[in-house]
Amino acid sequence: MSDLLIALRTFVRLCEKPNFSRVAEEMHASHTTIARRLDQVEAHFGTPLFHRTTRRLIPTPEADRLLIHARTMLDALEVAEQDFGPLRNEPSGLVRIGFTTALGLHYVERLGELTARYPALQLDCAMTDWQRDVVEDRLDLALRVGPVGDDSLVVHRLGALPRLLVAHPDYLGRHGTPVGAEDLSTHQCIAYAYGDVPARWTIDGRERVVSGTFRSDSSEAVHRAVLSGLGIALLPAIRVRRDIEAGRLLPVLPDSSIAPLDILVVHPSHKRLSPRARVVLDFLKTHFPDGNAMDRC
């Protein structure tokens, strides 16, 4: 690849992540090399692209204009490389996906089918419960819990993810089993939350503030806490299905109505979806959990 194309890729990343050190680490280059590439782009187009201070890089209006053209050109080059690559009839290369933990684990267990069909694909899965920045983290696709109010993202709906109230049998043996949603106020509720904002569960159409001795912004931590008998938790059905089948957890208030989570997958609107990302998107749609099966937990 020509020096100018490499320099333009560097310029785009500096716009998305305006920090020399972070971009240098990401691109496996020195701080000096990244600065030199930016100098090359500025010299080629004859205009300063960033205001540089000792602590910050601030894009100029010219940088905003050039960013549109640079992304278009680099995206077109990527599509051409896909078309004329050694496996031109088979999607290949790296796809970066941002998953929520519960759904990420669900899909990871099924990735063998995808990689067997497309052996030239590489998958980089960022699995966290907090929402990563799609552009800054260079994600091709990212799962979101709807709605998404961002015009810079293209949104595809995957489906609805049922949730269940569950508790360990030992906890229910010690504290009793709630017979109605109002009984939750007397129980230890393990909230998926963090900070000072009260945790709220909507059950049978009514929002209720819940509390307990433990809460976390990690669904994995909530899952482990309920398995250890700390209280009652509200978790995606796919996360607790096997625990219920094995008797490690019991459903709580199984006849109550709990709204499912609306799950979406997004990708940047400025970037054409590559053939390799499109087959992954189709995989996510095809293998989204069957809501009816979840209801039978």
Protein backbone atom coordinates (compact mmCIF):
# COMPACT_ATOMS: atom_id res chain seq x y z
CA MET A 1 0.00 0.00 0.00
CA SER A 2 1.30 3.44 -0.90
CA ASP A 3 2.65 5.75 1.75
CA LEU A 4 -0.19 8.22 1.15
CA LEU A 5 -2.86 5.58 1.72
CA ILE A 6 -1.20 4.51 4.96
CA ALA A 7 -0.98 8.17 5.96
CA LEU A 8 -4.68 8.66 5.17
CA ARG A 9 -5.61 5.64 7.30
CA THR A 10 -3.62 7.20 10.11
CA PHE A 11 -5.36 10.55 9.59
CA VAL A 12 -8.79 8.89 9.82
CA ARG A 13 -7.89 7.16 13.08
CA LEU A 14 -6.56 10.44 14.52
CA CYS A 15 -9.92 12.04 13.70
CA GLU A 16 -11.76 9.19 15.41
CA LYS A 17 -9.33 8.91 18.30
CA PRO A 18 -7.40 12.23 18.60
CA ASN A 19 -4.45 10.97 20.57
CA PHE A 20 -1.01 10.27 19.07
CA SER A 21 -0.05 7.69 21.68
CA ARG A 22 -3.25 5.65 21.43
CA VAL A 23 -3.18 5.58 17.63
CA ALA A 24 0.53 4.71 17.64
CA GLU A 25 -0.13 1.76 19.96
CA GLU A 26 -3.07 0.62 17.87
CA MET A 27 -1.13 0.79 14.59
CA HIS A 28 2.05 -0.69 16.07
CA ALA A 29 4.06 2.38 15.16
CA SER A 30 6.04 4.98 17.04
CA HIS A 31 4.69 8.36 18.10
CA THR A 32 7.14 9.95 15.65
CA THR A 33 5.89 7.80 12.76
CA ILE A 34 2.27 8.78 13.40
CA ALA A 35 3.21 12.47 13.52
CA ARG A 36 5.21 12.08 10.29
CA ARG A 37 2.24 10.50 8.52
CA LEU A 38 0.02 13.38 9.58
CA ASP A 39 2.63 15.83 8.31
CA GLN A 40 2.56 14.00 4.99
CA VAL A 41 -1.21 14.35 4.64
CA GLU A 42 -1.10 18.02 5.60
CA ALA A 43 1.68 18.64 3.07
CA HIS A 44 -0.17 16.78 0.32
CA PHE A 45 -3.39 18.75 0.78
CA GLY A 46 -1.65 21.99 1.69
CA THR A 47 -3.53 22.76 4.89
CA PRO A 48 -3.22 22.20 8.64
CA LEU A 49 -5.58 19.44 9.76
CA PHE A 50 -5.18 19.61 13.56
CA HIS A 51 -4.46 22.24 16.16
CA ARG A 52 -1.82 20.57 18.32
CA THR A 53 -1.29 21.32 21.97
CA THR A 54 0.75 19.44 24.54
CA ARG A 55 -2.39 17.63 25.69
CA ARG A 56 -4.87 17.61 22.81
CA LEU A 57 -5.38 17.23 19.07
CA ILE A 58 -8.23 19.39 17.79
CA PRO A 59 -9.41 18.77 14.17
CA THR A 60 -9.70 21.83 11.96
CA PRO A 61 -12.71 22.41 9.67
CA GLU A 62 -10.49 21.23 6.81
CA ALA A 63 -9.96 17.94 8.64
CA ASP A 64 -13.71 17.44 8.88
CA ARG A 65 -14.02 17.98 5.12
CA LEU A 66 -11.13 15.69 4.26
CA LEU A 67 -12.41 12.97 6.60
CA ILE A 68 -15.50 12.48 4.40
CA HIS A 69 -13.37 11.98 1.28
CA ALA A 70 -10.78 9.80 3.04
CA ARG A 71 -13.39 7.43 4.44
CA THR A 72 -15.11 7.14 1.06
CA MET A 73 -11.83 6.34 -0.68
CA LEU A 74 -10.63 3.85 1.91
CA ASP A 75 -14.01 2.11 2.01
CA ALA A 76 -13.99 1.83 -1.81
CA LEU A 77 -10.48 0.38 -1.67
CA GLU A 78 -11.59 -2.19 0.90
CA VAL A 79 -14.49 -3.29 -1.32
CA ALA A 80 -12.13 -3.57 -4.30
CA GLU A 81 -9.69 -5.66 -2.28
CA GLN A 82 -12.56 -7.97 -1.33
CA ASP A 83 -13.55 -8.30 -4.98
CA PHE A 84 -10.09 -8.97 -6.36
CA GLY A 85 -8.59 -10.84 -3.43
CA PRO A 86 -7.34 -14.42 -3.62
CA LEU A 87 -10.72 -15.66 -2.39
CA ARG A 88 -12.83 -13.26 -4.45
CA ASN A 89 -15.98 -15.39 -4.18
CA GLU A 90 -15.64 -15.91 -0.44
CA PRO A 91 -15.82 -13.22 2.26
CA SER A 92 -12.52 -12.96 4.08
CA GLY A 93 -10.67 -10.77 6.56
CA LEU A 94 -11.34 -9.31 9.99
CA VAL A 95 -14.77 -8.36 11.36
CA ARG A 96 -14.91 -6.54 14.70
CA ILE A 97 -18.13 -7.08 16.67
CA GLY A 98 -19.28 -5.44 19.90
CA PHE A 99 -21.38 -7.87 21.97
CA THR A 100 -23.30 -7.66 25.20
CA THR A 101 -22.14 -10.44 27.52
CA ALA A 102 -25.21 -12.69 27.54
CA LEU A 103 -25.77 -12.56 23.79
CA GLY A 104 -22.07 -12.70 23.07
CA LEU A 105 -21.78 -16.02 24.89
CA HIS A 106 -24.83 -17.29 23.01
CA TYR A 107 -23.29 -16.45 19.64
CA VAL A 108 -19.77 -17.63 20.50
CA GLU A 109 -21.16 -21.12 21.09
CA ARG A 110 -22.43 -21.11 17.50
CA LEU A 111 -19.51 -19.48 15.68
CA GLY A 112 -18.18 -22.83 14.52
CA GLU A 113 -20.91 -22.94 11.89
CA LEU A 114 -19.92 -19.53 10.55
CA THR A 115 -16.17 -20.17 10.49
CA ALA A 116 -16.67 -23.58 8.89
CA ARG A 117 -18.62 -21.96 6.07
CA TYR A 118 -16.22 -19.01 5.71
CA PRO A 119 -12.78 -20.23 6.84
CA ALA A 120 -11.09 -17.02 5.67
CA LEU A 121 -13.09 -14.89 8.13
CA GLN A 122 -11.45 -13.55 11.29
CA LEU A 123 -13.65 -12.44 14.19
CA ASP A 124 -12.66 -9.98 16.90
CA CYS A 125 -15.32 -9.91 19.62
CA ALA A 126 -15.44 -7.06 22.15
CA MET A 127 -17.70 -8.43 24.87
CA THR A 128 -18.85 -5.88 27.46
CA ASP A 129 -22.15 -4.76 28.96
CA TRP A 130 -21.38 -1.08 28.46
CA GLN A 131 -21.76 0.35 24.99
CA ARG A 132 -18.53 0.86 23.09
CA ASP A 133 -18.15 3.72 20.64
CA VAL A 134 -18.65 2.10 17.24
CA VAL A 135 -16.39 4.51 15.33
CA GLU A 136 -13.68 5.06 17.93
CA ASP A 137 -13.32 1.34 18.58
CA ARG A 138 -13.49 0.52 14.86
CA LEU A 139 -16.39 -1.88 15.25
CA ASP A 140 -17.96 -3.18 12.06
CA LEU A 141 -21.09 -4.28 13.96
CA ALA A 142 -22.30 -3.68 17.51
CA LEU A 143 -25.27 -4.96 19.50
CA ARG A 144 -27.47 -2.43 21.25
CA VAL A 145 -30.45 -2.57 23.58
CA GLY A 146 -32.96 -0.26 21.85
CA PRO A 147 -33.91 2.35 21.08
CA VAL A 148 -30.92 3.95 19.31
CA GLY A 149 -31.20 7.69 18.77
CA ASP A 150 -28.08 8.24 16.67
CA ASP A 151 -28.35 9.28 13.02
CA SER A 152 -24.73 8.26 12.41
CA LEU A 153 -25.67 4.58 12.83
CA VAL A 154 -27.62 2.22 10.59
CA VAL A 155 -29.93 0.10 12.75
CA HIS A 156 -31.15 -3.48 12.18
CA ARG A 157 -33.55 -5.15 14.61
CA LEU A 158 -32.53 -8.64 15.69
CA GLY A 159 -35.44 -9.48 17.97
CA ALA A 160 -36.78 -9.46 21.53
CA LEU A 161 -34.86 -11.10 24.37
CA PRO A 162 -37.07 -12.45 27.19
CA ARG A 163 -36.01 -11.93 30.82
CA LEU A 164 -36.72 -13.94 33.93
CA LEU A 165 -36.69 -13.36 37.67
CA VAL A 166 -34.62 -16.11 39.29
CA ALA A 167 -33.13 -17.09 42.64
CA HIS A 168 -31.09 -19.93 44.12
CA PRO A 169 -33.13 -22.61 45.93
CA ASP A 170 -31.15 -22.01 49.14
CA TYR A 171 -32.04 -18.31 49.10
CA LEU A 172 -35.74 -19.05 48.65
CA GLY A 173 -35.51 -21.68 51.38
CA ARG A 174 -34.14 -19.09 53.80
CA HIS A 175 -36.28 -16.10 52.84
CA GLY A 176 -39.41 -17.56 51.29
CA THR A 177 -40.76 -17.33 47.74
CA PRO A 178 -42.49 -14.09 46.66
CA VAL A 179 -46.13 -14.60 45.65
CA GLY A 180 -46.52 -11.15 44.11
CA ALA A 181 -44.35 -8.35 42.77
CA GLU A 182 -45.05 -6.28 45.90
CA ASP A 183 -43.19 -8.91 47.95
CA LEU A 184 -39.90 -8.00 46.26
CA SER A 185 -39.61 -5.00 48.59
CA THR A 186 -38.83 -7.42 51.43
CA HIS A 187 -36.20 -9.37 49.49
CA GLN A 188 -32.57 -8.90 48.51
CA CYS A 189 -32.75 -7.90 44.84
CA ILE A 190 -29.54 -8.14 42.84
CA ALA A 191 -29.70 -5.16 40.52
CA TYR A 192 -27.96 -4.79 37.19
CA ALA A 193 -26.98 -1.20 37.88
CA TYR A 194 -24.21 0.98 39.26
CA GLY A 195 -23.84 4.28 41.06
CA ASP A 196 -26.48 6.38 42.76
CA VAL A 197 -29.33 5.82 40.29
CA PRO A 198 -32.02 3.60 41.86
CA ALA A 199 -32.54 0.23 40.18
CA ARG A 200 -36.01 -0.22 38.68
CA TRP A 201 -37.75 -3.36 37.48
CA THR A 202 -40.98 -3.14 35.48
CA ILE A 203 -43.20 -6.08 36.40
CA ASP A 204 -46.83 -6.49 35.31
CA GLY A 205 -46.70 -3.03 33.77
CA ARG A 206 -45.65 -1.28 36.97
CA GLU A 207 -42.19 0.10 37.64
CA ARG A 208 -40.78 -0.80 41.03
CA VAL A 209 -37.62 0.42 42.77
CA VAL A 210 -35.64 -2.58 44.03
CA SER A 211 -32.65 -2.76 46.33
CA GLY A 212 -30.30 -5.19 48.02
CA THR A 213 -26.83 -5.61 49.43
CA PHE A 214 -25.23 -6.20 46.02
CA ARG A 215 -25.51 -4.63 42.58
CA SER A 216 -23.23 -4.49 39.57
CA ASP A 217 -22.93 -3.10 36.03
CA SER A 218 -21.77 -6.57 34.88
CA SER A 219 -24.40 -9.14 33.94
CA GLU A 220 -21.77 -11.84 34.56
CA ALA A 221 -21.35 -10.59 38.14
CA VAL A 222 -25.13 -10.51 38.66
CA HIS A 223 -25.38 -14.04 37.32
CA ARG A 224 -22.69 -15.35 39.66
CA ALA A 225 -24.19 -13.48 42.59
CA VAL A 226 -27.61 -15.07 42.14
CA LEU A 227 -25.97 -18.50 41.78
CA SER A 228 -24.23 -17.92 45.11
CA GLY A 229 -27.58 -17.28 46.82
CA LEU A 230 -27.29 -13.51 47.36
CA GLY A 231 -30.86 -12.77 46.30
CA ILE A 232 -33.27 -12.46 43.38
CA ALA A 233 -32.04 -11.30 39.97
CA LEU A 234 -33.62 -10.23 36.69
CA LEU A 235 -31.56 -11.70 33.83
CA PRO A 236 -31.94 -12.61 30.14
CA ALA A 237 -33.54 -16.03 29.78
CA ILE A 238 -30.66 -17.29 27.65
CA ARG A 239 -28.31 -16.60 30.56
CA VAL A 240 -30.22 -18.70 33.11
CA ARG A 241 -31.94 -21.35 30.99
CA ARG A 242 -29.39 -24.08 31.73
CA ASP A 243 -29.31 -23.17 35.41
CA ILE A 244 -33.08 -23.60 35.61
CA GLU A 245 -32.94 -26.91 33.73
CA ALA A 246 -30.25 -28.15 36.14
CA GLY A 247 -32.08 -26.91 39.23
CA ARG A 248 -29.35 -24.44 40.17
CA LEU A 249 -31.87 -21.59 39.90
CA LEU A 250 -35.63 -21.40 40.25
CA PRO A 251 -38.01 -19.01 38.44
CA VAL A 252 -39.56 -16.34 40.65
CA LEU A 253 -43.03 -14.96 39.83
CA PRO A 254 -43.14 -17.04 36.62
CA ASP A 255 -46.66 -15.88 35.76
CA SER A 256 -45.77 -12.18 35.90
CA SER A 257 -45.32 -10.11 32.76
CA ILE A 258 -41.82 -8.72 32.21
CA ALA A 259 -41.09 -6.75 29.06
CA PRO A 260 -38.33 -8.28 26.91
CA LEU A 261 -35.25 -6.39 25.76
CA ASP A 262 -35.38 -5.10 22.20
CA ILE A 263 -32.03 -6.08 20.64
CA LEU A 264 -30.56 -4.18 17.70
CA VAL A 265 -27.34 -4.38 15.71
CA VAL A 266 -25.80 -1.18 14.36
CA HIS A 267 -23.00 -0.14 12.04
CA PRO A 268 -21.64 3.27 10.98
CA SER A 269 -23.72 4.98 8.32
CA HIS A 270 -20.66 6.62 6.73
CA LYS A 271 -19.12 3.25 5.90
CA ARG A 272 -20.43 0.78 3.36
CA LEU A 273 -20.98 -2.61 4.95
CA SER A 274 -18.30 -4.96 3.61
CA PRO A 275 -19.19 -8.42 2.25
CA ARG A 276 -17.52 -10.06 5.26
CA ALA A 277 -19.49 -7.91 7.72
CA ARG A 278 -22.70 -8.63 5.84
CA VAL A 279 -22.35 -12.41 6.25
CA VAL A 280 -21.76 -11.87 9.98
CA LEU A 281 -24.87 -9.67 10.16
CA ASP A 282 -26.88 -12.42 8.46
CA PHE A 283 -25.45 -14.91 10.97
CA LEU A 284 -26.54 -12.71 13.89
CA LYS A 285 -30.07 -12.50 12.48
CA THR A 286 -30.32 -16.23 11.74
CA HIS A 287 -29.02 -17.34 15.14
CA PHE A 288 -30.82 -14.84 17.34
CA PRO A 289 -32.33 -16.76 20.29
CA ASP A 290 -35.79 -18.17 19.72
CA GLY A 291 -38.05 -16.22 22.06
CA ASN A 292 -40.60 -19.05 22.24
CA ALA A 293 -37.91 -21.45 23.37
CA MET A 294 -36.89 -18.98 26.05
CA ASP A 295 -40.46 -18.76 27.32
CA ARG A 296 -40.41 -22.49 27.98
CA CYS A 297 -37.58 -22.16 30.52
